[in-house]
Amino acid sequence: MPADQWFRNAVIYSLNVETFMDGNGDGCGDFEGLNGRLDYLESLGIDALWLAPFQPTPGRDNGYDIRDYYAVDPRFGSSGDFVEFMHEAEGRGIRVLIDLVVNHTSDQHPWFKGARGGRGAPRHDWYVWAGKRPSDWQSGMVFPGVQRTTWTFERRAREYYFHRFYDFEPDLNMANRRVREEIRRIMGFWLQLGIAGFRVDAVPFVIEVPSPDGSSAGLDFDWLREMREFLQWRVGNAILLGEANVPPAESGSYFAAGDGLHMMFNFWVNQHLFWSLASGDARPLARAVEQTRPTSPAMHWANFLRNHDELDIGHLPDDAKGLVFESFGPRPSMQIYGRGIRRRLAPMLGDRRRIELAKSLLLSLPGTPVLRYGDEIGMGENLRLKERMAIRTPMQWTDEPHAGFTPAERPVVPPVDRGLYAYEAVNVESQRRDPDSLLRWMIRMIRLRKECPEIGWGEWRIVRTNRTAVLAMLYEWRERRLLCVHNLAHAPCEARLKLDVDRGDRLVNLIEDDEAIADDRGVHHLELEPYAYRWYRVGGTG
């Protein structure tokens, strides 16, 4: 297994420093607090951390409005605290990925402040400007219903500047060679401090080449190649994990035949997975997995259930979208931007068996699983908070005030303190002591995933069964075979399947102490309870 492809069998854990753990008692999470919880993360069995932006920011977009790419926001500590954190993480064998947010800056960044002086001003051409208001100035918004335009008039410059996101996040001009050089400096700076790579935010907008008339001049994939070349030249096994919510037909270009992204989040599978969970029908998920089958060894997916944004279901057909909304976000307060659900996984699925099913699917789908902080204990959301902040609440450590996140009187974000998912009922401390808790189950499943490297390295195929509710996937690698079977329905069933492989008549359950033997025709008859999941070693070896 090549060391430069460590990510293929890694388990990645995403968190926001601001809401993970407060180490100095001021109400805000910081690197001191995160350092103190690295033993917990090590005990989970995760291989890498993905940190949300922690650079200095005015704080209008949860850190994604960056005003200094070369520093740590003082709320989270100093650059020295970051280096100490990197040292401690390395000592535990935990790699660190950080967000690379370079399609826009904050309007408070010194670059944009200088650019506001008009043509001829320093770095004016680092941003995208138009002398007249483009005709489509009210289209192409990333946050419809909240964001009103993509072009905003700047009085000092007497021009309109372009912004795919909020008006306080002006887009950088990627066609400018000096902008690209600066981004390489940013990458080099953090690589020198020991990070293992970048989660590249909003990749299609990073490589977008907008025209002054407001239209798009297309996507410049050569820029991805430049980033990849620089990254590998500096640190050979560092990676680019891209965020690009695009249809399968477009995804191959982002990998650029091994010269672009190393991994990309599989939004297509994510959306169809929730369609299958809502319908109890495995076929939408099976189709999505096939549609995103890698066409070259350079393609590798990162799978997820929930992330720090909304559950985006915008690519689903209207009837499927309606079903997912009805099942998991029926109230308007649970929905956002007309395309998504702003809820956590546990309250959406409700049933513990269904939660385990979903997490088993995540760990067993082709690719690398990415876990969201707090999902290992089944945290809920706070719908009183605006937009996507509902799912960005403090980690729930104990049943003490503010979930043990901070001793301060006022935390930076209020924790979930009402209902079934309040921190008094859902927290790490209580679940750590309970052998039947979701946390303890999750630790066992992560360990199991690491015992099955064929998921990350092997060839796979979907095995036909007699049940539309059942997804069965067979992995093969180095004479090892793994069969993962999931029943997405709320009713029990008997699933019949035939593997047609050597020693395929015997299946040894890797989760429970039992095995399945095929009949005289080589057909397995698997009795599956509602929301059942099975991981079988085929032939019972390895």
Protein backbone atom coordinates (compact mmCIF):
# COMPACT_ATOMS: atom_id res chain seq x y z
CA MET A 1 0.00 0.00 0.00
CA PRO A 2 1.75 3.21 -1.15
CA ALA A 3 2.36 5.62 1.73
CA ASP A 4 1.39 8.56 -0.45
CA GLN A 5 -2.16 7.15 -0.64
CA TRP A 6 -2.70 6.92 3.11
CA PHE A 7 -6.11 8.54 2.70
CA ARG A 8 -7.66 5.50 0.99
CA ASN A 9 -8.23 3.67 4.27
CA ALA A 10 -8.30 6.63 6.61
CA VAL A 11 -11.22 7.73 8.77
CA ILE A 12 -11.48 11.53 8.80
CA TYR A 13 -13.12 13.53 11.60
CA SER A 14 -14.23 17.11 10.95
CA LEU A 15 -14.55 19.78 13.62
CA ASN A 16 -14.61 23.50 14.23
CA VAL A 17 -12.02 24.67 16.77
CA GLU A 18 -14.45 27.38 17.91
CA THR A 19 -17.05 24.90 19.16
CA PHE A 20 -15.04 21.83 20.12
CA MET A 21 -13.46 22.64 23.50
CA ASP A 22 -12.65 25.82 25.41
CA GLY A 23 -9.24 25.54 27.06
CA ASN A 24 -8.81 29.00 28.61
CA GLY A 25 -12.32 29.57 29.95
CA ASP A 26 -13.32 32.55 27.81
CA GLY A 27 -16.35 30.82 26.24
CA CYS A 28 -14.71 30.11 22.88
CA GLY A 29 -13.09 26.89 21.72
CA ASP A 30 -9.36 27.06 21.08
CA PHE A 31 -6.27 25.00 20.27
CA GLU A 32 -5.51 24.57 23.95
CA GLY A 33 -8.88 22.92 24.41
CA LEU A 34 -8.50 20.81 21.26
CA ASN A 35 -5.09 19.66 22.50
CA GLY A 36 -6.72 18.45 25.68
CA ARG A 37 -9.15 16.29 23.70
CA LEU A 38 -6.68 14.61 21.36
CA ASP A 39 -6.65 11.52 23.58
CA TYR A 40 -10.40 11.24 23.04
CA LEU A 41 -9.97 11.54 19.28
CA GLU A 42 -7.20 8.96 19.34
CA SER A 43 -9.47 6.58 21.27
CA LEU A 44 -12.12 6.93 18.55
CA GLY A 45 -9.65 5.45 16.09
CA ILE A 46 -9.69 8.32 13.60
CA ASP A 47 -6.69 8.86 11.33
CA ALA A 48 -7.05 12.51 10.33
CA LEU A 49 -8.69 15.73 11.48
CA TRP A 50 -10.21 18.24 9.12
CA LEU A 51 -10.31 21.67 10.77
CA ALA A 52 -12.74 24.38 9.68
CA PRO A 53 -11.13 27.81 9.07
CA PHE A 54 -9.32 29.17 12.12
CA GLN A 55 -7.61 32.20 10.60
CA PRO A 56 -8.44 35.79 11.64
CA THR A 57 -11.92 36.78 10.51
CA PRO A 58 -14.62 39.40 11.15
CA GLY A 59 -16.80 36.39 11.98
CA ARG A 60 -19.71 37.01 9.64
CA ASP A 61 -19.58 33.57 7.93
CA ASN A 62 -18.37 31.13 10.57
CA GLY A 63 -14.74 31.81 9.70
CA TYR A 64 -15.04 31.51 5.94
CA ASP A 65 -14.63 35.28 5.56
CA ILE A 66 -10.86 35.33 6.07
CA ARG A 67 -8.90 38.55 6.51
CA ASP A 68 -5.42 37.07 7.07
CA TYR A 69 -4.34 33.74 5.58
CA TYR A 70 -1.07 33.56 7.51
CA ALA A 71 -2.20 33.65 11.13
CA VAL A 72 -4.40 32.09 13.79
CA ASP A 73 -7.42 34.01 15.03
CA PRO A 74 -6.50 35.27 18.54
CA ARG A 75 -9.72 33.78 19.89
CA PHE A 76 -8.26 30.33 19.22
CA GLY A 77 -4.76 31.03 20.49
CA SER A 78 -1.46 31.90 18.85
CA SER A 79 0.60 30.44 16.04
CA GLY A 80 2.63 28.81 18.80
CA ASP A 81 -0.51 27.10 20.09
CA PHE A 82 -1.19 25.79 16.60
CA VAL A 83 2.34 24.39 16.31
CA GLU A 84 1.99 22.75 19.73
CA PHE A 85 -1.29 21.20 18.58
CA MET A 86 0.38 19.87 15.42
CA HIS A 87 3.15 18.35 17.51
CA GLU A 88 0.68 16.63 19.82
CA ALA A 89 -1.44 15.35 16.92
CA GLU A 90 1.63 13.95 15.16
CA GLY A 91 2.62 12.15 18.33
CA ARG A 92 -0.69 10.31 18.23
CA GLY A 93 -0.46 9.48 14.55
CA ILE A 94 -3.26 11.89 13.65
CA ARG A 95 -2.84 13.85 10.42
CA VAL A 96 -4.33 17.33 10.06
CA LEU A 97 -6.17 18.78 7.06
CA ILE A 98 -7.18 22.43 7.00
CA ASP A 99 -9.63 24.41 4.91
CA LEU A 100 -8.25 26.28 1.92
CA VAL A 101 -10.76 29.09 1.34
CA VAL A 102 -9.40 31.02 -1.61
CA ASN A 103 -12.26 31.69 -4.00
CA HIS A 104 -13.00 34.80 -1.92
CA THR A 105 -11.66 36.88 0.96
CA SER A 106 -13.34 39.00 3.59
CA ASP A 107 -14.10 42.56 2.49
CA GLN A 108 -11.99 43.49 5.54
CA HIS A 109 -8.90 41.82 4.11
CA PRO A 110 -6.10 44.34 3.41
CA TRP A 111 -6.06 43.18 -0.20
CA PHE A 112 -9.66 44.24 -0.78
CA LYS A 113 -9.30 47.40 1.26
CA GLY A 114 -6.54 48.45 -1.10
CA ALA A 115 -8.43 47.27 -4.18
CA ARG A 116 -11.34 49.57 -3.31
CA GLY A 117 -9.31 52.55 -4.43
CA GLY A 118 -10.27 51.91 -8.04
CA ARG A 119 -8.27 51.07 -11.13
CA GLY A 120 -4.60 51.54 -10.55
CA ALA A 121 -4.98 50.89 -6.81
CA PRO A 122 -2.84 48.15 -5.25
CA ARG A 123 -4.30 44.71 -5.93
CA HIS A 124 -7.37 46.13 -7.67
CA ASP A 125 -6.96 43.44 -10.32
CA TRP A 126 -6.86 40.75 -7.63
CA TYR A 127 -10.67 40.90 -7.63
CA VAL A 128 -13.36 40.74 -10.33
CA TRP A 129 -14.87 44.08 -11.32
CA ALA A 130 -17.39 45.43 -13.81
CA GLY A 131 -17.87 49.08 -14.76
CA LYS A 132 -21.59 48.58 -15.38
CA ARG A 133 -23.97 46.39 -13.46
CA PRO A 134 -24.13 43.02 -15.27
CA SER A 135 -27.52 41.93 -16.55
CA ASP A 136 -27.56 38.76 -14.42
CA TRP A 137 -26.55 40.49 -11.18
CA GLN A 138 -29.41 38.78 -9.33
CA SER A 139 -28.67 35.22 -10.47
CA GLY A 140 -26.21 32.50 -9.50
CA MET A 141 -26.43 33.07 -5.75
CA VAL A 142 -25.10 30.28 -3.53
CA PHE A 143 -27.52 31.23 -0.74
CA PRO A 144 -30.85 31.99 -2.44
CA GLY A 145 -33.40 33.61 -0.17
CA VAL A 146 -30.63 35.06 1.99
CA GLN A 147 -28.20 36.43 -0.57
CA ARG A 148 -29.77 38.90 -3.02
CA THR A 149 -27.08 39.54 -5.65
CA THR A 150 -23.76 38.33 -7.02
CA TRP A 151 -22.55 41.83 -7.96
CA THR A 152 -22.35 44.73 -5.48
CA PHE A 153 -21.49 48.36 -6.14
CA GLU A 154 -18.36 49.68 -4.41
CA ARG A 155 -18.63 53.44 -4.07
CA ARG A 156 -14.92 54.23 -3.75
CA ALA A 157 -13.98 52.20 -6.80
CA ARG A 158 -17.15 53.24 -8.66
CA GLU A 159 -17.41 49.70 -9.94
CA TYR A 160 -19.28 46.48 -9.19
CA TYR A 161 -17.40 43.59 -7.61
CA PHE A 162 -18.32 39.93 -8.04
CA HIS A 163 -19.17 37.58 -5.16
CA ARG A 164 -20.60 34.09 -5.50
CA PHE A 165 -21.30 34.09 -1.79
CA TYR A 166 -22.21 36.96 0.57
CA ASP A 167 -21.55 40.59 -0.42
CA PHE A 168 -18.87 40.81 2.29
CA GLU A 169 -16.91 38.01 0.55
CA PRO A 170 -15.55 39.41 -2.75
CA ASP A 171 -14.23 36.80 -5.17
CA LEU A 172 -10.55 36.68 -6.01
CA ASN A 173 -9.57 36.90 -9.67
CA MET A 174 -8.04 33.50 -10.43
CA ALA A 175 -7.09 34.65 -13.92
CA ASN A 176 -4.48 36.87 -12.27
CA ARG A 177 -1.08 35.17 -12.12
CA ARG A 178 -0.12 37.07 -8.95
CA VAL A 179 -3.23 35.78 -7.15
CA ARG A 180 -2.24 32.21 -7.98
CA GLU A 181 1.30 32.84 -6.77
CA GLU A 182 -0.06 34.16 -3.48
CA ILE A 183 -2.27 31.11 -3.03
CA ARG A 184 0.75 28.88 -3.53
CA ARG A 185 2.51 30.86 -0.80
CA ILE A 186 -0.47 30.28 1.50
CA MET A 187 -0.35 26.55 0.79
CA GLY A 188 3.40 26.45 1.33
CA PHE A 189 3.14 28.28 4.64
CA TRP A 190 0.76 25.77 6.21
CA LEU A 191 2.49 22.76 4.65
CA GLN A 192 5.70 23.94 6.29
CA LEU A 193 3.89 23.77 9.64
CA GLY A 194 3.18 20.09 9.11
CA ILE A 195 -0.37 19.77 7.77
CA ALA A 196 -1.24 16.74 5.63
CA GLY A 197 -3.25 18.63 3.04
CA PHE A 198 -6.21 20.85 2.34
CA ARG A 199 -9.93 20.56 2.09
CA VAL A 200 -10.45 22.93 -0.85
CA ASP A 201 -13.60 24.98 -0.35
CA ALA A 202 -16.03 25.54 -3.25
CA VAL A 203 -13.74 24.13 -5.95
CA PRO A 204 -15.95 25.03 -8.96
CA PHE A 205 -15.85 28.68 -7.90
CA VAL A 206 -12.10 28.57 -7.27
CA ILE A 207 -11.49 27.59 -10.88
CA GLU A 208 -14.36 29.62 -12.35
CA VAL A 209 -13.37 32.36 -14.79
CA PRO A 210 -16.16 34.98 -14.69
CA SER A 211 -16.47 37.61 -17.41
CA PRO A 212 -17.06 41.30 -16.73
CA ASP A 213 -20.51 41.03 -18.28
CA GLY A 214 -21.50 38.60 -15.53
CA SER A 215 -21.39 35.43 -17.57
CA SER A 216 -19.04 32.56 -16.82
CA ALA A 217 -16.15 31.97 -19.18
CA GLY A 218 -15.89 28.37 -18.00
CA LEU A 219 -13.69 26.46 -15.60
CA ASP A 220 -9.90 26.49 -15.64
CA PHE A 221 -8.84 22.99 -14.59
CA ASP A 222 -5.22 23.90 -15.25
CA TRP A 223 -5.34 25.79 -11.97
CA LEU A 224 -6.10 22.52 -10.15
CA ARG A 225 -3.11 20.97 -11.87
CA GLU A 226 -0.92 23.85 -10.71
CA MET A 227 -2.10 23.41 -7.14
CA ARG A 228 -1.51 19.65 -7.24
CA GLU A 229 1.97 20.07 -8.73
CA PHE A 230 2.97 22.60 -6.09
CA LEU A 231 1.52 20.51 -3.26
CA GLN A 232 3.33 17.32 -4.29
CA TRP A 233 6.57 19.18 -4.87
CA ARG A 234 6.49 20.55 -1.31
CA VAL A 235 5.08 17.48 0.50
CA GLY A 236 4.85 14.28 -1.51
CA ASN A 237 2.03 12.62 0.43
CA ALA A 238 -0.09 15.72 1.13
CA ILE A 239 -3.56 15.71 -0.42
CA LEU A 240 -6.27 17.92 -1.88
CA LEU A 241 -9.80 17.01 -0.77
CA GLY A 242 -12.25 18.96 -2.89
CA GLU A 243 -15.77 20.25 -2.26
CA ALA A 244 -17.57 20.16 -5.61
CA ASN A 245 -21.28 19.37 -5.68
CA VAL A 246 -21.45 18.38 -9.35
CA PRO A 247 -23.16 15.61 -11.35
CA PRO A 248 -21.16 12.43 -12.03
CA ALA A 249 -20.54 13.33 -15.68
CA GLU A 250 -18.56 16.39 -14.56
CA SER A 251 -16.63 14.88 -11.67
CA GLY A 252 -13.83 13.25 -13.64
CA SER A 253 -12.42 16.61 -14.73
CA TYR A 254 -11.72 17.55 -11.11
CA PHE A 255 -9.40 14.57 -10.68
CA ALA A 256 -7.63 15.51 -13.93
CA ALA A 257 -6.36 11.97 -14.54
CA GLY A 258 -4.22 12.10 -11.42
CA ASP A 259 -3.10 15.70 -11.79
CA GLY A 260 -5.99 17.34 -9.91
CA LEU A 261 -7.78 16.51 -6.67
CA HIS A 262 -6.80 13.39 -4.74
CA MET A 263 -10.29 13.04 -3.29
CA MET A 264 -13.66 14.67 -3.74
CA PHE A 265 -16.73 14.63 -1.52
CA ASN A 266 -19.39 12.41 -3.09
CA PHE A 267 -22.41 14.70 -2.88
CA TRP A 268 -24.21 12.62 -5.50
CA VAL A 269 -24.13 9.48 -3.37
CA ASN A 270 -24.92 11.48 -0.23
CA GLN A 271 -28.14 12.86 -1.67
CA HIS A 272 -29.27 9.52 -3.08
CA LEU A 273 -28.41 7.79 0.19
CA PHE A 274 -30.97 9.98 1.96
CA TRP A 275 -33.48 9.27 -0.80
CA SER A 276 -32.99 5.56 -0.11
CA LEU A 277 -33.25 6.08 3.65
CA ALA A 278 -36.49 8.02 3.20
CA SER A 279 -38.03 5.51 0.81
CA GLY A 280 -36.67 2.25 2.24
CA ASP A 281 -35.58 1.44 -1.31
CA ALA A 282 -31.88 0.73 -1.90
CA ARG A 283 -32.04 1.26 -5.67
CA PRO A 284 -31.46 5.05 -5.74
CA LEU A 285 -28.31 4.59 -3.65
CA ALA A 286 -27.16 1.63 -5.75
CA ARG A 287 -27.58 3.65 -8.95
CA ALA A 288 -25.67 6.59 -7.48
CA VAL A 289 -22.79 4.37 -6.40
CA GLU A 290 -22.60 2.90 -9.90
CA GLN A 291 -22.86 6.34 -11.52
CA THR A 292 -19.87 7.55 -9.53
CA ARG A 293 -17.77 4.43 -10.07
CA PRO A 294 -14.16 5.59 -10.55
CA THR A 295 -13.07 5.46 -14.17
CA SER A 296 -9.39 5.59 -13.26
CA PRO A 297 -7.20 4.72 -10.23
CA ALA A 298 -6.76 8.46 -9.67
CA MET A 299 -10.40 8.90 -8.63
CA HIS A 300 -11.25 8.41 -4.98
CA TRP A 301 -14.34 9.56 -3.11
CA ALA A 302 -14.86 10.91 0.38
CA ASN A 303 -18.24 9.83 1.74
CA PHE A 304 -20.23 11.57 4.45
CA LEU A 305 -23.66 11.62 6.05
CA ARG A 306 -23.74 15.14 7.49
CA ASN A 307 -21.27 17.98 7.34
CA HIS A 308 -21.03 21.58 8.59
CA ASP A 309 -23.47 22.82 5.92
CA GLU A 310 -27.05 21.95 5.09
CA LEU A 311 -28.01 18.53 3.74
CA ASP A 312 -28.16 19.63 0.11
CA ILE A 313 -30.67 17.58 -1.94
CA GLY A 314 -30.79 19.94 -4.90
CA HIS A 315 -29.75 17.27 -7.43
CA LEU A 316 -32.66 14.93 -6.61
CA PRO A 317 -35.82 14.73 -8.74
CA ASP A 318 -38.67 16.85 -7.38
CA ASP A 319 -40.66 13.87 -6.07
CA ALA A 320 -37.61 12.45 -4.29
CA LYS A 321 -36.75 15.86 -2.89
CA GLY A 322 -40.28 16.18 -1.53
CA LEU A 323 -40.02 12.75 0.10
CA VAL A 324 -36.71 13.58 1.79
CA PHE A 325 -38.08 16.90 3.05
CA GLU A 326 -41.22 15.20 4.35
CA SER A 327 -39.22 12.43 6.07
CA PHE A 328 -36.34 14.39 7.57
CA GLY A 329 -37.18 18.10 7.53
CA PRO A 330 -40.97 18.55 7.35
CA ARG A 331 -41.14 21.96 9.01
CA PRO A 332 -40.05 25.16 7.22
CA SER A 333 -37.75 25.96 10.15
CA MET A 334 -35.82 22.77 9.34
CA GLN A 335 -35.24 23.74 5.71
CA ILE A 336 -32.92 26.24 4.10
CA TYR A 337 -32.19 27.83 0.71
CA GLY A 338 -35.02 25.85 -0.89
CA ARG A 339 -32.66 22.90 -1.38
CA GLY A 340 -31.50 21.67 1.99
CA ILE A 341 -32.16 20.54 5.55
CA ARG A 342 -30.37 22.18 8.48
CA ARG A 343 -30.52 19.28 10.91
CA ARG A 344 -28.17 16.78 12.51
CA LEU A 345 -28.23 13.10 11.62
CA ALA A 346 -29.60 11.63 14.86
CA PRO A 347 -32.83 13.64 15.11
CA MET A 348 -33.44 13.21 11.38
CA LEU A 349 -33.30 9.41 11.59
CA GLY A 350 -34.57 9.04 15.15
CA ASP A 351 -34.43 5.26 15.48
CA ARG A 352 -31.13 3.99 16.93
CA ARG A 353 -31.22 1.04 14.50
CA ARG A 354 -31.59 3.42 11.57
CA ILE A 355 -28.71 5.59 12.81
CA GLU A 356 -26.48 2.53 13.04
CA LEU A 357 -27.57 1.46 9.56
CA ALA A 358 -26.65 4.84 8.10
CA LYS A 359 -23.25 4.85 9.79
CA SER A 360 -22.57 1.29 8.68
CA LEU A 361 -23.37 2.37 5.13
CA LEU A 362 -21.00 5.33 5.47
CA LEU A 363 -18.14 3.13 6.64
CA SER A 364 -18.74 0.47 3.98
CA LEU A 365 -19.28 2.53 0.82
CA PRO A 366 -16.42 2.75 -1.69
CA GLY A 367 -14.15 5.56 -0.55
CA THR A 368 -13.02 7.30 2.63
CA PRO A 369 -15.54 8.01 5.43
CA VAL A 370 -15.72 11.50 6.91
CA LEU A 371 -17.41 11.89 10.32
CA ARG A 372 -18.84 15.11 11.70
CA TYR A 373 -17.96 15.95 15.30
CA GLY A 374 -20.71 14.96 17.72
CA ASP A 375 -22.34 12.47 15.36
CA GLU A 376 -20.50 9.67 17.16
CA ILE A 377 -22.68 10.38 20.20
CA GLY A 378 -25.85 11.34 18.31
CA MET A 379 -25.90 15.10 18.90
CA GLY A 380 -28.93 17.13 17.81
CA GLU A 381 -29.37 20.61 16.39
CA ASN A 382 -30.49 23.97 17.76
CA LEU A 383 -33.07 25.30 15.31
CA ARG A 384 -33.27 28.57 17.21
CA LEU A 385 -29.96 29.54 15.64
CA LYS A 386 -30.00 31.12 12.18
CA GLU A 387 -29.20 29.35 8.94
CA ARG A 388 -26.48 26.71 9.17
CA MET A 389 -25.49 27.62 12.72
CA ALA A 390 -28.19 25.20 13.88
CA ILE A 391 -25.75 22.31 13.38
CA ARG A 392 -22.61 24.11 14.56
CA THR A 393 -23.28 23.94 18.30
CA PRO A 394 -20.66 23.12 20.97
CA MET A 395 -19.48 19.55 21.43
CA GLN A 396 -21.38 17.87 24.28
CA TRP A 397 -18.79 16.49 26.68
CA THR A 398 -20.67 16.20 29.98
CA ASP A 399 -24.00 16.96 31.64
CA GLU A 400 -22.45 19.97 33.37
CA PRO A 401 -23.44 23.54 32.38
CA HIS A 402 -22.80 24.34 28.71
CA ALA A 403 -22.20 20.63 28.06
CA GLY A 404 -18.76 20.84 29.71
CA PHE A 405 -17.58 22.83 26.69
CA THR A 406 -16.69 25.90 28.73
CA PRO A 407 -16.78 27.15 32.34
CA ALA A 408 -17.60 30.64 31.05
CA GLU A 409 -21.00 32.16 31.76
CA ARG A 410 -21.70 32.68 28.06
CA PRO A 411 -20.44 30.26 25.39
CA VAL A 412 -19.65 31.52 21.89
CA VAL A 413 -22.60 29.45 20.58
CA PRO A 414 -25.38 28.13 22.82
CA PRO A 415 -25.39 24.34 23.15
CA VAL A 416 -28.38 22.08 22.59
CA ASP A 417 -30.14 22.35 25.95
CA ARG A 418 -33.70 21.29 25.21
CA GLY A 419 -35.47 18.08 24.26
CA LEU A 420 -34.22 14.55 23.67
CA TYR A 421 -30.82 15.67 22.44
CA ALA A 422 -30.00 18.13 25.22
CA TYR A 423 -26.50 17.78 26.61
CA GLU A 424 -27.79 16.41 29.92
CA ALA A 425 -29.00 13.34 27.99
CA VAL A 426 -26.46 13.14 25.15
CA ASN A 427 -22.80 13.56 26.07
CA VAL A 428 -19.43 11.84 25.83
CA GLU A 429 -18.97 11.21 29.53
CA SER A 430 -22.13 9.14 29.99
CA GLN A 431 -21.69 7.24 26.73
CA ARG A 432 -18.06 6.40 27.44
CA ARG A 433 -19.20 4.44 30.52
CA ASP A 434 -22.09 2.70 28.77
CA PRO A 435 -21.02 -0.40 26.80
CA ASP A 436 -24.23 -0.21 24.75
CA SER A 437 -23.93 3.48 23.85
CA LEU A 438 -23.71 4.86 20.34
CA LEU A 439 -20.18 6.09 21.09
CA ARG A 440 -18.92 2.65 22.09
CA TRP A 441 -20.65 1.14 19.05
CA MET A 442 -18.98 3.72 16.80
CA ILE A 443 -15.53 2.92 18.18
CA ARG A 444 -16.07 -0.77 17.42
CA MET A 445 -17.26 -0.02 13.88
CA ILE A 446 -14.29 2.25 13.12
CA ARG A 447 -11.99 -0.53 14.29
CA LEU A 448 -13.85 -2.95 12.00
CA ARG A 449 -13.50 -0.58 9.05
CA LYS A 450 -9.73 -0.55 9.55
CA GLU A 451 -9.70 -4.35 9.49
CA CYS A 452 -11.23 -4.25 6.00
CA PRO A 453 -8.72 -2.47 3.72
CA GLU A 454 -10.42 -3.93 0.65
CA ILE A 455 -13.02 -1.14 0.93
CA GLY A 456 -10.36 1.46 0.25
CA TRP A 457 -8.21 -0.55 -2.17
CA GLY A 458 -10.30 -3.28 -3.71
CA GLU A 459 -12.55 -3.80 -6.69
CA TRP A 460 -16.24 -3.86 -5.91
CA ARG A 461 -19.55 -4.84 -7.39
CA ILE A 462 -23.17 -4.68 -6.33
CA VAL A 463 -24.62 -8.15 -5.79
CA ARG A 464 -28.15 -8.77 -6.99
CA THR A 465 -30.72 -9.79 -4.41
CA ASN A 466 -34.44 -10.48 -4.48
CA ARG A 467 -35.23 -7.43 -2.32
CA THR A 468 -35.31 -3.82 -3.50
CA ALA A 469 -34.72 -2.69 0.08
CA VAL A 470 -31.38 -4.52 0.32
CA LEU A 471 -27.99 -3.23 -0.83
CA ALA A 472 -25.30 -5.91 -1.04
CA MET A 473 -21.74 -4.98 -2.05
CA LEU A 474 -18.85 -7.36 -2.57
CA TYR A 475 -15.24 -6.14 -2.27
CA GLU A 476 -12.19 -8.09 -3.49
CA TRP A 477 -8.53 -7.27 -2.84
CA ARG A 478 -5.46 -9.49 -2.53
CA GLU A 479 -7.51 -12.68 -2.31
CA ARG A 480 -9.65 -11.19 0.47
CA ARG A 481 -13.37 -10.74 0.01
CA LEU A 482 -15.83 -8.72 2.06
CA LEU A 483 -19.60 -8.68 1.66
CA CYS A 484 -21.60 -5.81 3.18
CA VAL A 485 -25.38 -6.19 3.30
CA HIS A 486 -27.85 -3.50 4.40
CA ASN A 487 -31.63 -3.63 4.72
CA LEU A 488 -32.95 -0.08 4.36
CA ALA A 489 -36.58 -1.02 5.10
CA HIS A 490 -38.40 -0.83 8.42
CA ALA A 491 -39.66 -4.38 7.90
CA PRO A 492 -37.77 -7.69 8.17
CA CYS A 493 -37.04 -9.70 5.06
CA GLU A 494 -35.23 -12.71 3.69
CA ALA A 495 -32.61 -11.63 1.17
CA ARG A 496 -31.40 -14.24 -1.31
CA LEU A 497 -28.11 -13.76 -3.13
CA LYS A 498 -25.42 -15.75 -4.90
CA LEU A 499 -21.80 -14.66 -5.01
CA ASP A 500 -20.27 -16.96 -7.65
CA VAL A 501 -16.78 -16.66 -6.18
CA ASP A 502 -14.35 -19.15 -4.73
CA ARG A 503 -15.46 -20.26 -1.25
CA GLY A 504 -18.48 -18.02 -1.58
CA ASP A 505 -20.71 -20.60 0.11
CA ARG A 506 -19.52 -19.57 3.59
CA LEU A 507 -20.00 -16.11 5.11
CA VAL A 508 -18.57 -15.29 8.54
CA ASN A 509 -20.21 -12.37 10.32
CA LEU A 510 -17.60 -9.84 11.49
CA ILE A 511 -19.98 -8.04 13.88
CA GLU A 512 -21.75 -10.92 15.60
CA ASP A 513 -20.82 -14.51 16.34
CA ASP A 514 -22.56 -16.36 13.53
CA GLU A 515 -22.10 -17.40 9.94
CA ALA A 516 -24.20 -18.14 6.86
CA ILE A 517 -23.88 -21.21 4.66
CA ALA A 518 -25.28 -21.30 1.14
CA ASP A 519 -27.74 -23.96 -0.02
CA ASP A 520 -26.92 -26.66 -2.58
CA ARG A 521 -27.29 -24.16 -5.43
CA GLY A 522 -24.87 -21.71 -3.82
CA VAL A 523 -27.65 -19.31 -2.77
CA HIS A 524 -27.50 -17.57 0.58
CA HIS A 525 -30.76 -16.97 2.47
CA LEU A 526 -30.12 -14.09 4.85
CA GLU A 527 -32.73 -13.29 7.47
CA LEU A 528 -32.52 -9.53 7.97
CA GLU A 529 -34.33 -7.62 10.69
CA PRO A 530 -35.48 -4.01 10.08
CA TYR A 531 -32.52 -1.71 9.32
CA ALA A 532 -30.14 -4.67 9.54
CA TYR A 533 -26.50 -4.41 8.54
CA ARG A 534 -24.07 -7.29 8.07
CA TRP A 535 -20.35 -7.33 7.31
CA TYR A 536 -19.24 -10.80 6.18
CA ARG A 537 -15.81 -12.22 5.50
CA VAL A 538 -16.32 -14.45 2.47
CA GLY A 539 -14.85 -17.90 3.04
CA GLY A 540 -14.11 -17.03 6.66
CA THR A 541 -10.42 -16.25 6.19
CA GLY A 542 -8.25 -13.13 6.52
